[in-house]
Amino acid sequence: MTRIIDAPRSRVFEAWTRAEHLGRWYAPKGFTITDCAGGTFGIRGEYREVVPPVRVVIACTLEDEQRATRLDEIINVDFESSGSRTKLLINSTALASGAHAASMLAGLQKGWTQTVDRLGVLVEPGPQKEI
């Protein structure tokens, strides 16, 4: 996924790397990073690589209410300056298991689109909108 964000690279990078920002946008619309409709899911993640303000690599695991792993994902994010804007390049590789594996994998593109939309609302200029 490639997206142009109307915000400086430093601001976009900070939104990806500071906990106080991640909790405000890092999930598809209608989700938080700790729960969603139909059950409670936990997301564990760790930064595998951080190169300010150029790149982050994140390993995430989504667990169900019994703490069984349902999705493992490696997320590579590159940040390129484009004047006062940022070109965001996201490459995600995921492996899912369990009864909902196919639907989880099928929904990744939509989920990332909604997630990056929420990021834009947080970092782009203008009145704050609901995220």
N, C-alpha and C. Protein backbone atom coordinates (compact mmCIF):
# COMPACT_ATOMS: atom_id res chain seq x y z
N MET A 1 0.85 -1.16 0.00
CA MET A 1 0.00 0.00 0.00
C MET A 1 0.90 1.23 0.00
N THR A 2 0.54 2.19 -0.83
CA THR A 2 1.25 3.47 -0.87
C THR A 2 0.22 4.56 -0.64
N ARG A 3 0.57 5.51 0.19
CA ARG A 3 -0.35 6.60 0.49
C ARG A 3 0.44 7.88 0.70
N ILE A 4 -0.09 8.98 0.19
CA ILE A 4 0.50 10.30 0.46
C ILE A 4 -0.28 10.90 1.64
N ILE A 5 0.45 11.27 2.67
CA ILE A 5 -0.13 11.88 3.87
C ILE A 5 0.24 13.35 3.87
N ASP A 6 -0.72 14.21 4.07
CA ASP A 6 -0.50 15.65 4.07
C ASP A 6 0.03 16.11 5.44
N ALA A 7 1.24 15.64 5.74
CA ALA A 7 1.91 16.00 6.99
C ALA A 7 3.39 15.71 6.81
N PRO A 8 4.24 16.43 7.52
CA PRO A 8 5.69 16.20 7.39
C PRO A 8 6.08 14.79 7.86
N ARG A 9 7.14 14.28 7.27
CA ARG A 9 7.61 12.94 7.60
C ARG A 9 7.86 12.77 9.09
N SER A 10 8.42 13.76 9.75
CA SER A 10 8.71 13.63 11.18
C SER A 10 7.43 13.41 11.99
N ARG A 11 6.35 14.08 11.64
CA ARG A 11 5.08 13.93 12.35
C ARG A 11 4.48 12.54 12.10
N VAL A 12 4.54 12.08 10.87
CA VAL A 12 3.99 10.76 10.53
C VAL A 12 4.81 9.67 11.22
N PHE A 13 6.13 9.80 11.19
CA PHE A 13 7.00 8.82 11.84
C PHE A 13 6.71 8.77 13.34
N GLU A 14 6.55 9.93 13.96
CA GLU A 14 6.26 9.99 15.40
C GLU A 14 4.94 9.28 15.72
N ALA A 15 3.94 9.42 14.86
CA ALA A 15 2.66 8.76 15.08
C ALA A 15 2.81 7.24 15.07
N TRP A 16 3.79 6.73 14.32
CA TRP A 16 4.05 5.29 14.25
C TRP A 16 4.90 4.78 15.40
N THR A 17 5.61 5.66 16.09
CA THR A 17 6.60 5.19 17.05
C THR A 17 6.37 5.64 18.48
N ARG A 18 5.35 6.42 18.75
CA ARG A 18 5.08 6.87 20.12
C ARG A 18 3.75 6.29 20.59
N ALA A 19 3.80 5.63 21.73
CA ALA A 19 2.63 4.91 22.25
C ALA A 19 1.41 5.81 22.41
N GLU A 20 1.61 7.04 22.83
CA GLU A 20 0.46 7.93 23.04
C GLU A 20 -0.27 8.25 21.74
N HIS A 21 0.40 8.09 20.61
CA HIS A 21 -0.25 8.31 19.32
C HIS A 21 -0.83 7.01 18.76
N LEU A 22 -0.11 5.92 18.89
CA LEU A 22 -0.55 4.64 18.31
C LEU A 22 -1.94 4.24 18.78
N GLY A 23 -2.20 4.42 20.06
CA GLY A 23 -3.50 4.04 20.61
C GLY A 23 -4.66 4.82 20.04
N ARG A 24 -4.38 5.94 19.39
CA ARG A 24 -5.44 6.78 18.83
C ARG A 24 -5.81 6.42 17.40
N TRP A 25 -4.97 5.68 16.70
CA TRP A 25 -5.25 5.43 15.29
C TRP A 25 -4.94 4.01 14.82
N TYR A 26 -4.13 3.26 15.52
CA TYR A 26 -3.60 2.00 14.99
C TYR A 26 -4.60 0.86 15.12
N ALA A 27 -5.62 0.89 14.28
CA ALA A 27 -6.63 -0.18 14.15
C ALA A 27 -7.64 0.27 13.11
N PRO A 28 -8.30 -0.67 12.45
CA PRO A 28 -9.34 -0.28 11.49
C PRO A 28 -10.50 0.43 12.19
N LYS A 29 -11.31 1.12 11.41
CA LYS A 29 -12.47 1.83 11.93
C LYS A 29 -13.36 0.87 12.72
N GLY A 30 -13.78 1.31 13.91
CA GLY A 30 -14.64 0.50 14.75
C GLY A 30 -13.88 -0.41 15.70
N PHE A 31 -12.57 -0.48 15.58
CA PHE A 31 -11.75 -1.33 16.43
C PHE A 31 -10.85 -0.45 17.29
N THR A 32 -10.40 -1.02 18.38
CA THR A 32 -9.29 -0.45 19.12
C THR A 32 -8.20 -1.52 19.09
N ILE A 33 -7.08 -1.23 19.65
CA ILE A 33 -6.03 -2.24 19.62
C ILE A 33 -6.21 -3.28 20.72
N THR A 34 -7.31 -3.21 21.48
CA THR A 34 -7.55 -4.23 22.49
C THR A 34 -8.89 -4.93 22.36
N ASP A 35 -9.82 -4.41 21.57
CA ASP A 35 -11.10 -5.10 21.46
C ASP A 35 -11.77 -4.83 20.13
N CYS A 36 -12.72 -5.66 19.81
CA CYS A 36 -13.51 -5.46 18.61
C CYS A 36 -14.85 -6.16 18.79
N ALA A 37 -15.79 -5.84 17.93
CA ALA A 37 -17.10 -6.46 18.02
C ALA A 37 -16.96 -7.97 17.86
N GLY A 38 -17.68 -8.69 18.68
CA GLY A 38 -17.67 -10.14 18.56
C GLY A 38 -16.64 -10.82 19.43
N GLY A 39 -15.91 -10.08 20.20
CA GLY A 39 -14.93 -10.71 21.09
C GLY A 39 -13.79 -9.78 21.40
N THR A 40 -13.02 -10.16 22.35
CA THR A 40 -11.87 -9.37 22.76
C THR A 40 -10.62 -10.01 22.17
N PHE A 41 -9.83 -9.17 21.55
CA PHE A 41 -8.60 -9.64 20.94
C PHE A 41 -7.46 -8.79 21.49
N GLY A 42 -6.33 -9.41 21.68
CA GLY A 42 -5.16 -8.67 22.12
C GLY A 42 -4.15 -8.60 20.99
N ILE A 43 -3.50 -7.47 20.90
CA ILE A 43 -2.43 -7.32 19.92
C ILE A 43 -1.13 -7.13 20.68
N ARG A 44 -0.19 -8.00 20.38
CA ARG A 44 1.15 -7.84 20.91
C ARG A 44 2.03 -7.46 19.74
N GLY A 45 2.93 -6.56 19.97
CA GLY A 45 3.82 -6.17 18.90
C GLY A 45 5.15 -5.70 19.42
N GLU A 46 6.11 -5.77 18.54
CA GLU A 46 7.43 -5.24 18.89
C GLU A 46 8.07 -4.67 17.63
N TYR A 47 8.84 -3.64 17.86
CA TYR A 47 9.60 -3.05 16.76
C TYR A 47 10.81 -3.93 16.52
N ARG A 48 10.97 -4.36 15.29
CA ARG A 48 12.14 -5.15 14.91
C ARG A 48 13.25 -4.26 14.37
N GLU A 49 12.82 -3.12 13.80
CA GLU A 49 13.79 -2.17 13.24
C GLU A 49 13.18 -0.78 13.32
N VAL A 50 13.97 0.19 13.75
CA VAL A 50 13.55 1.59 13.77
C VAL A 50 14.71 2.42 13.25
N VAL A 51 14.48 3.08 12.11
CA VAL A 51 15.48 3.96 11.51
C VAL A 51 14.82 5.33 11.34
N PRO A 52 14.95 6.21 12.35
CA PRO A 52 14.27 7.51 12.29
C PRO A 52 14.82 8.37 11.16
N PRO A 53 13.99 9.11 10.51
CA PRO A 53 12.53 8.98 10.34
C PRO A 53 12.19 8.24 9.05
N VAL A 54 12.95 7.21 8.73
CA VAL A 54 12.91 6.57 7.42
C VAL A 54 12.11 5.27 7.38
N ARG A 55 12.22 4.45 8.43
CA ARG A 55 11.67 3.09 8.33
C ARG A 55 11.37 2.52 9.71
N VAL A 56 10.29 1.72 9.77
CA VAL A 56 10.03 0.86 10.92
C VAL A 56 9.62 -0.51 10.39
N VAL A 57 9.99 -1.52 11.15
CA VAL A 57 9.53 -2.88 10.90
C VAL A 57 8.93 -3.36 12.21
N ILE A 58 7.68 -3.81 12.14
CA ILE A 58 6.95 -4.21 13.33
C ILE A 58 6.48 -5.65 13.16
N ALA A 59 6.64 -6.44 14.20
CA ALA A 59 6.08 -7.79 14.24
C ALA A 59 4.88 -7.75 15.18
N CYS A 60 3.71 -8.15 14.68
CA CYS A 60 2.48 -8.13 15.48
C CYS A 60 1.87 -9.51 15.53
N THR A 61 1.27 -9.80 16.67
CA THR A 61 0.51 -11.03 16.85
C THR A 61 -0.86 -10.67 17.39
N LEU A 62 -1.89 -11.17 16.74
CA LEU A 62 -3.27 -10.97 17.18
C LEU A 62 -3.71 -12.25 17.89
N GLU A 63 -4.20 -12.09 19.12
CA GLU A 63 -4.65 -13.24 19.90
C GLU A 63 -6.15 -13.14 20.15
N ASP A 64 -6.80 -14.30 20.27
CA ASP A 64 -8.22 -14.31 20.60
C ASP A 64 -8.40 -14.26 22.12
N GLU A 65 -9.66 -14.40 22.56
CA GLU A 65 -9.95 -14.28 23.99
C GLU A 65 -9.31 -15.38 24.83
N GLN A 66 -8.93 -16.50 24.22
CA GLN A 66 -8.20 -17.56 24.94
C GLN A 66 -6.68 -17.40 24.82
N ARG A 67 -6.26 -16.29 24.25
CA ARG A 67 -4.85 -15.95 24.04
C ARG A 67 -4.18 -16.88 23.04
N ALA A 68 -4.97 -17.50 22.17
CA ALA A 68 -4.41 -18.31 21.09
C ALA A 68 -4.07 -17.37 19.93
N THR A 69 -2.92 -17.59 19.33
CA THR A 69 -2.50 -16.77 18.20
C THR A 69 -3.41 -17.02 17.01
N ARG A 70 -3.93 -15.94 16.44
CA ARG A 70 -4.80 -16.04 15.27
C ARG A 70 -4.18 -15.41 14.03
N LEU A 71 -3.26 -14.47 14.22
CA LEU A 71 -2.63 -13.81 13.08
C LEU A 71 -1.25 -13.34 13.48
N ASP A 72 -0.27 -13.67 12.67
CA ASP A 72 1.09 -13.13 12.82
C ASP A 72 1.35 -12.27 11.60
N GLU A 73 1.89 -11.08 11.84
CA GLU A 73 2.08 -10.13 10.74
C GLU A 73 3.41 -9.40 10.90
N ILE A 74 4.14 -9.29 9.81
CA ILE A 74 5.34 -8.46 9.76
C ILE A 74 4.98 -7.26 8.89
N ILE A 75 5.19 -6.06 9.44
CA ILE A 75 4.79 -4.83 8.77
C ILE A 75 6.04 -3.99 8.52
N ASN A 76 6.34 -3.75 7.26
CA ASN A 76 7.45 -2.89 6.86
C ASN A 76 6.87 -1.55 6.43
N VAL A 77 7.31 -0.49 7.06
CA VAL A 77 6.80 0.84 6.75
C VAL A 77 7.97 1.75 6.40
N ASP A 78 7.91 2.35 5.21
CA ASP A 78 8.92 3.31 4.78
C ASP A 78 8.28 4.68 4.66
N PHE A 79 9.00 5.69 5.08
CA PHE A 79 8.54 7.08 5.09
C PHE A 79 9.44 7.89 4.17
N GLU A 80 8.88 8.48 3.13
CA GLU A 80 9.65 9.31 2.20
C GLU A 80 9.10 10.72 2.21
N SER A 81 9.99 11.70 2.32
CA SER A 81 9.57 13.10 2.25
C SER A 81 9.16 13.43 0.83
N SER A 82 8.09 14.18 0.73
CA SER A 82 7.60 14.67 -0.56
C SER A 82 7.17 16.12 -0.34
N GLY A 83 8.15 17.00 -0.25
CA GLY A 83 7.87 18.39 0.13
C GLY A 83 7.41 18.43 1.57
N SER A 84 6.25 19.02 1.82
CA SER A 84 5.70 19.07 3.18
C SER A 84 4.81 17.86 3.46
N ARG A 85 4.80 16.92 2.53
CA ARG A 85 3.97 15.72 2.68
C ARG A 85 4.86 14.49 2.86
N THR A 86 4.22 13.37 3.16
CA THR A 86 4.95 12.11 3.36
C THR A 86 4.37 11.03 2.47
N LYS A 87 5.26 10.36 1.76
CA LYS A 87 4.86 9.17 1.02
C LYS A 87 5.08 7.99 1.95
N LEU A 88 4.00 7.31 2.27
CA LEU A 88 4.02 6.18 3.19
C LEU A 88 3.89 4.90 2.38
N LEU A 89 4.84 3.99 2.55
CA LEU A 89 4.82 2.71 1.85
C LEU A 89 4.71 1.60 2.90
N ILE A 90 3.65 0.83 2.83
CA ILE A 90 3.41 -0.24 3.80
C ILE A 90 3.39 -1.57 3.07
N ASN A 91 4.20 -2.49 3.55
CA ASN A 91 4.21 -3.85 3.01
C ASN A 91 4.01 -4.79 4.19
N SER A 92 2.92 -5.55 4.16
CA SER A 92 2.56 -6.42 5.25
C SER A 92 2.54 -7.87 4.77
N THR A 93 3.13 -8.75 5.56
CA THR A 93 3.08 -10.18 5.30
C THR A 93 2.44 -10.83 6.51
N ALA A 94 1.37 -11.63 6.26
CA ALA A 94 0.62 -12.19 7.38
C ALA A 94 0.37 -13.67 7.19
N LEU A 95 0.23 -14.35 8.32
CA LEU A 95 -0.11 -15.76 8.38
C LEU A 95 -1.17 -15.91 9.45
N ALA A 96 -2.32 -16.50 9.10
CA ALA A 96 -3.43 -16.65 10.04
C ALA A 96 -3.74 -18.11 10.28
N SER A 97 -4.38 -18.38 11.43
CA SER A 97 -4.81 -19.75 11.74
C SER A 97 -6.16 -19.70 12.44
N GLY A 98 -6.81 -20.83 12.49
CA GLY A 98 -8.10 -20.92 13.16
C GLY A 98 -9.26 -20.80 12.19
N ALA A 99 -10.47 -20.87 12.75
CA ALA A 99 -11.70 -20.88 11.95
C ALA A 99 -11.89 -19.62 11.12
N HIS A 100 -11.35 -18.50 11.57
CA HIS A 100 -11.55 -17.23 10.88
C HIS A 100 -10.35 -16.80 10.05
N ALA A 101 -9.43 -17.71 9.82
CA ALA A 101 -8.19 -17.36 9.12
C ALA A 101 -8.44 -16.76 7.75
N ALA A 102 -9.27 -17.39 6.94
CA ALA A 102 -9.50 -16.90 5.58
C ALA A 102 -10.11 -15.51 5.59
N SER A 103 -11.09 -15.27 6.46
CA SER A 103 -11.71 -13.95 6.49
C SER A 103 -10.76 -12.89 7.05
N MET A 104 -9.91 -13.27 7.99
CA MET A 104 -8.93 -12.32 8.52
C MET A 104 -7.95 -11.90 7.43
N LEU A 105 -7.44 -12.87 6.69
CA LEU A 105 -6.50 -12.55 5.62
C LEU A 105 -7.17 -11.75 4.51
N ALA A 106 -8.41 -12.10 4.18
CA ALA A 106 -9.14 -11.38 3.14
C ALA A 106 -9.41 -9.94 3.53
N GLY A 107 -9.52 -9.67 4.82
CA GLY A 107 -9.83 -8.32 5.28
C GLY A 107 -8.63 -7.43 5.54
N LEU A 108 -7.42 -7.94 5.34
CA LEU A 108 -6.23 -7.14 5.66
C LEU A 108 -6.14 -5.85 4.85
N GLN A 109 -6.39 -5.91 3.55
CA GLN A 109 -6.29 -4.70 2.73
C GLN A 109 -7.27 -3.63 3.21
N LYS A 110 -8.52 -4.04 3.43
CA LYS A 110 -9.53 -3.09 3.92
C LYS A 110 -9.12 -2.56 5.29
N GLY A 111 -8.63 -3.44 6.15
CA GLY A 111 -8.20 -3.01 7.48
C GLY A 111 -7.07 -2.01 7.42
N TRP A 112 -6.07 -2.25 6.57
CA TRP A 112 -4.97 -1.30 6.44
C TRP A 112 -5.43 0.02 5.84
N THR A 113 -6.35 -0.03 4.89
CA THR A 113 -6.88 1.21 4.31
C THR A 113 -7.55 2.05 5.39
N GLN A 114 -8.39 1.44 6.19
CA GLN A 114 -9.08 2.17 7.27
C GLN A 114 -8.10 2.66 8.32
N THR A 115 -7.10 1.85 8.63
CA THR A 115 -6.11 2.23 9.63
C THR A 115 -5.32 3.46 9.17
N VAL A 116 -4.88 3.45 7.92
CA VAL A 116 -4.11 4.59 7.41
C VAL A 116 -5.02 5.82 7.26
N ASP A 117 -6.29 5.62 6.96
CA ASP A 117 -7.24 6.75 6.97
C ASP A 117 -7.26 7.40 8.35
N ARG A 118 -7.30 6.60 9.40
CA ARG A 118 -7.32 7.12 10.78
C ARG A 118 -6.02 7.85 11.10
N LEU A 119 -4.90 7.33 10.61
CA LEU A 119 -3.62 8.01 10.79
C LEU A 119 -3.68 9.40 10.16
N GLY A 120 -4.20 9.49 8.94
CA GLY A 120 -4.30 10.78 8.26
C GLY A 120 -5.12 11.78 9.05
N VAL A 121 -6.22 11.33 9.62
CA VAL A 121 -7.06 12.22 10.43
C VAL A 121 -6.26 12.77 11.60
N LEU A 122 -5.42 11.95 12.19
CA LEU A 122 -4.64 12.38 13.35
C LEU A 122 -3.54 13.37 12.99
N VAL A 123 -2.83 13.15 11.89
CA VAL A 123 -1.63 13.94 11.61
C VAL A 123 -1.82 15.06 10.60
N GLU A 124 -2.86 14.98 9.76
CA GLU A 124 -3.04 16.02 8.74
C GLU A 124 -3.66 17.27 9.34
N PRO A 125 -3.35 18.44 8.75
CA PRO A 125 -3.90 19.69 9.29
C PRO A 125 -5.41 19.76 9.11
N GLY A 126 -6.02 20.64 9.88
CA GLY A 126 -7.46 20.82 9.79
C GLY A 126 -8.12 20.44 11.09
N PRO A 127 -9.44 20.63 11.15
CA PRO A 127 -10.15 20.29 12.38
C PRO A 127 -10.07 18.78 12.67
N GLN A 128 -9.93 18.44 13.93
CA GLN A 128 -9.89 17.03 14.30
C GLN A 128 -11.22 16.38 14.00
N LYS A 129 -11.17 15.24 13.37
CA LYS A 129 -12.37 14.48 13.05
C LYS A 129 -12.38 13.23 13.91
N GLU A 130 -13.51 12.59 13.92
CA GLU A 130 -13.62 11.33 14.67
C GLU A 130 -12.77 10.27 14.00
N ILE A 131 -11.96 9.59 14.81
CA ILE A 131 -11.17 8.48 14.27
C ILE A 131 -11.63 7.23 14.95
